[in-house]
Amino acid sequence: MVNDMMVDLSSEQKRWRFAIDRGGTFTDVIGVDPEGRFHTLKLLSSSPLYSDPAVEGIRRILNAGKD
């Protein structure tokens, strides 16, 4: 999911940036792409589908950003 929010990044900050909030039930992953757009994702903190929700969230956001 891409939100309408954007941040102005200087040229040296033109890269993906991530913040992770790992809770007992859910892990929230926030990514800011090189253009300053926010991408957010919420995953279960424990799932048989992936071993690490933070890594899985980053993978999913990066794949979504290729559109």
N, C-alpha and C. Protein backbone atom coordinates (compact mmCIF):
# COMPACT_ATOMS: atom_id res chain seq x y z
N MET A 1 0.85 -1.17 0.00
CA MET A 1 0.00 0.00 0.00
C MET A 1 0.89 1.23 0.00
N VAL A 2 0.62 2.14 -0.88
CA VAL A 2 1.37 3.39 -0.95
C VAL A 2 0.46 4.50 -0.45
N ASN A 3 0.94 5.22 0.55
CA ASN A 3 0.18 6.36 1.07
C ASN A 3 0.44 7.58 0.21
N ASP A 4 -0.39 8.61 0.38
CA ASP A 4 -0.22 9.86 -0.35
C ASP A 4 0.88 10.73 0.23
N MET A 5 1.41 10.36 1.39
CA MET A 5 2.43 11.18 2.04
C MET A 5 3.76 11.06 1.31
N MET A 6 4.50 12.15 1.27
CA MET A 6 5.83 12.16 0.69
C MET A 6 6.73 13.02 1.55
N VAL A 7 8.01 12.73 1.53
CA VAL A 7 9.00 13.57 2.20
C VAL A 7 9.99 14.05 1.15
N ASP A 8 10.56 15.21 1.39
CA ASP A 8 11.56 15.76 0.48
C ASP A 8 12.93 15.25 0.93
N LEU A 9 13.57 14.49 0.06
CA LEU A 9 14.88 13.92 0.39
C LEU A 9 15.96 14.62 -0.40
N SER A 10 17.07 14.91 0.25
CA SER A 10 18.21 15.49 -0.46
C SER A 10 18.81 14.42 -1.38
N SER A 11 19.61 14.83 -2.32
CA SER A 11 20.14 13.91 -3.31
C SER A 11 20.94 12.77 -2.69
N GLU A 12 21.63 13.00 -1.59
CA GLU A 12 22.40 11.93 -0.96
C GLU A 12 21.51 10.96 -0.17
N GLN A 13 20.25 11.30 0.02
CA GLN A 13 19.33 10.41 0.72
C GLN A 13 18.42 9.66 -0.25
N LYS A 14 18.68 9.65 -1.52
CA LYS A 14 17.83 9.01 -2.52
C LYS A 14 18.06 7.51 -2.51
N ARG A 15 17.54 6.86 -1.49
CA ARG A 15 17.61 5.41 -1.34
C ARG A 15 16.43 4.96 -0.51
N TRP A 16 16.16 3.70 -0.49
CA TRP A 16 15.09 3.17 0.36
C TRP A 16 15.50 3.29 1.82
N ARG A 17 14.54 3.64 2.68
CA ARG A 17 14.75 3.69 4.13
C ARG A 17 13.60 2.93 4.77
N PHE A 18 13.88 2.20 5.86
CA PHE A 18 12.87 1.37 6.51
C PHE A 18 12.84 1.61 8.01
N ALA A 19 11.65 1.48 8.57
CA ALA A 19 11.44 1.48 10.01
C ALA A 19 10.56 0.28 10.33
N ILE A 20 10.89 -0.43 11.40
CA ILE A 20 10.18 -1.65 11.79
C ILE A 20 9.69 -1.49 13.22
N ASP A 21 8.44 -1.86 13.47
CA ASP A 21 7.89 -1.93 14.82
C ASP A 21 7.38 -3.35 15.01
N ARG A 22 8.17 -4.16 15.74
CA ARG A 22 7.83 -5.55 15.95
C ARG A 22 7.09 -5.69 17.28
N GLY A 23 5.84 -6.08 17.19
CA GLY A 23 5.03 -6.27 18.39
C GLY A 23 4.73 -7.75 18.62
N GLY A 24 3.96 -8.02 19.63
CA GLY A 24 3.63 -9.40 19.97
C GLY A 24 2.74 -10.06 18.94
N THR A 25 1.81 -9.32 18.37
CA THR A 25 0.87 -9.87 17.39
C THR A 25 1.23 -9.46 15.97
N PHE A 26 1.55 -8.19 15.77
CA PHE A 26 1.84 -7.69 14.43
C PHE A 26 3.19 -7.01 14.36
N THR A 27 3.79 -7.05 13.18
CA THR A 27 4.99 -6.29 12.87
C THR A 27 4.62 -5.29 11.79
N ASP A 28 4.88 -4.02 12.06
CA ASP A 28 4.61 -2.96 11.09
C ASP A 28 5.91 -2.60 10.39
N VAL A 29 5.85 -2.51 9.08
CA VAL A 29 7.02 -2.15 8.27
C VAL A 29 6.66 -0.89 7.48
N ILE A 30 7.51 0.12 7.59
CA ILE A 30 7.32 1.36 6.85
C ILE A 30 8.56 1.57 5.99
N GLY A 31 8.34 1.76 4.71
CA GLY A 31 9.43 2.04 3.79
C GLY A 31 9.22 3.39 3.13
N VAL A 32 10.31 4.11 2.92
CA VAL A 32 10.26 5.36 2.16
C VAL A 32 11.14 5.12 0.93
N ASP A 33 10.51 5.22 -0.26
CA ASP A 33 11.24 4.93 -1.49
C ASP A 33 12.12 6.12 -1.89
N PRO A 34 12.97 5.95 -2.91
CA PRO A 34 13.88 7.03 -3.31
C PRO A 34 13.20 8.33 -3.72
N GLU A 35 11.92 8.26 -4.09
CA GLU A 35 11.19 9.48 -4.46
C GLU A 35 10.49 10.11 -3.26
N GLY A 36 10.61 9.49 -2.07
CA GLY A 36 10.03 10.05 -0.86
C GLY A 36 8.63 9.56 -0.53
N ARG A 37 8.12 8.56 -1.28
CA ARG A 37 6.78 8.02 -1.00
C ARG A 37 6.84 6.97 0.09
N PHE A 38 5.83 6.99 0.95
CA PHE A 38 5.72 6.02 2.04
C PHE A 38 5.00 4.77 1.56
N HIS A 39 5.50 3.60 2.00
CA HIS A 39 4.87 2.31 1.75
C HIS A 39 4.72 1.64 3.12
N THR A 40 3.55 1.15 3.44
CA THR A 40 3.34 0.54 4.75
C THR A 40 2.80 -0.87 4.59
N LEU A 41 3.12 -1.72 5.58
CA LEU A 41 2.70 -3.10 5.56
C LEU A 41 2.59 -3.59 7.00
N LYS A 42 1.59 -4.41 7.27
CA LYS A 42 1.40 -5.02 8.59
C LYS A 42 1.37 -6.52 8.39
N LEU A 43 2.25 -7.24 9.10
CA LEU A 43 2.32 -8.69 9.02
C LEU A 43 2.19 -9.29 10.41
N LEU A 44 1.73 -10.52 10.47
CA LEU A 44 1.73 -11.24 11.74
C LEU A 44 3.17 -11.41 12.20
N SER A 45 3.42 -11.22 13.48
CA SER A 45 4.78 -11.36 14.01
C SER A 45 5.24 -12.80 14.03
N SER A 46 4.31 -13.74 14.02
CA SER A 46 4.63 -15.15 13.98
C SER A 46 3.76 -15.82 12.94
N SER A 47 4.39 -16.44 11.95
CA SER A 47 3.65 -17.09 10.87
C SER A 47 4.49 -18.23 10.31
N PRO A 48 3.85 -19.32 9.92
CA PRO A 48 4.60 -20.40 9.27
C PRO A 48 5.01 -20.05 7.83
N LEU A 49 4.51 -18.94 7.31
CA LEU A 49 4.80 -18.54 5.93
C LEU A 49 6.14 -17.84 5.75
N TYR A 50 6.73 -17.34 6.85
CA TYR A 50 8.03 -16.66 6.79
C TYR A 50 8.70 -16.77 8.14
N SER A 51 10.03 -16.73 8.14
CA SER A 51 10.77 -16.89 9.40
C SER A 51 10.96 -15.57 10.14
N ASP A 52 11.03 -14.46 9.39
CA ASP A 52 11.26 -13.15 10.02
C ASP A 52 10.32 -12.14 9.37
N PRO A 53 9.35 -11.62 10.13
CA PRO A 53 8.38 -10.70 9.53
C PRO A 53 8.99 -9.39 9.04
N ALA A 54 10.06 -8.93 9.67
CA ALA A 54 10.70 -7.68 9.23
C ALA A 54 11.33 -7.87 7.85
N VAL A 55 12.06 -8.95 7.67
CA VAL A 55 12.69 -9.23 6.39
C VAL A 55 11.62 -9.47 5.32
N GLU A 56 10.59 -10.23 5.66
CA GLU A 56 9.50 -10.50 4.72
C GLU A 56 8.80 -9.20 4.32
N GLY A 57 8.57 -8.31 5.27
CA GLY A 57 7.93 -7.04 4.97
C GLY A 57 8.76 -6.18 4.03
N ILE A 58 10.06 -6.13 4.28
CA ILE A 58 10.95 -5.37 3.40
C ILE A 58 10.92 -5.96 2.00
N ARG A 59 10.99 -7.29 1.89
CA ARG A 59 10.93 -7.95 0.57
C ARG A 59 9.65 -7.57 -0.16
N ARG A 60 8.52 -7.64 0.52
CA ARG A 60 7.24 -7.34 -0.11
C ARG A 60 7.15 -5.88 -0.55
N ILE A 61 7.62 -4.98 0.30
CA ILE A 61 7.57 -3.56 -0.07
C ILE A 61 8.47 -3.28 -1.26
N LEU A 62 9.67 -3.87 -1.29
CA LEU A 62 10.57 -3.66 -2.42
C LEU A 62 9.97 -4.22 -3.71
N ASN A 63 9.32 -5.35 -3.65
CA ASN A 63 8.69 -5.92 -4.83
C ASN A 63 7.52 -5.06 -5.30
N ALA A 64 6.76 -4.49 -4.36
CA ALA A 64 5.65 -3.61 -4.72
C ALA A 64 6.15 -2.32 -5.35
N GLY A 65 7.33 -1.88 -4.96
CA GLY A 65 7.90 -0.65 -5.49
C GLY A 65 8.41 -0.76 -6.91
N LYS A 66 8.41 -1.98 -7.46
CA LYS A 66 8.91 -2.19 -8.83
C LYS A 66 7.84 -1.94 -9.88
N ASP A 67 6.62 -1.62 -9.47
CA ASP A 67 5.53 -1.40 -10.43
C ASP A 67 5.78 -0.19 -11.29
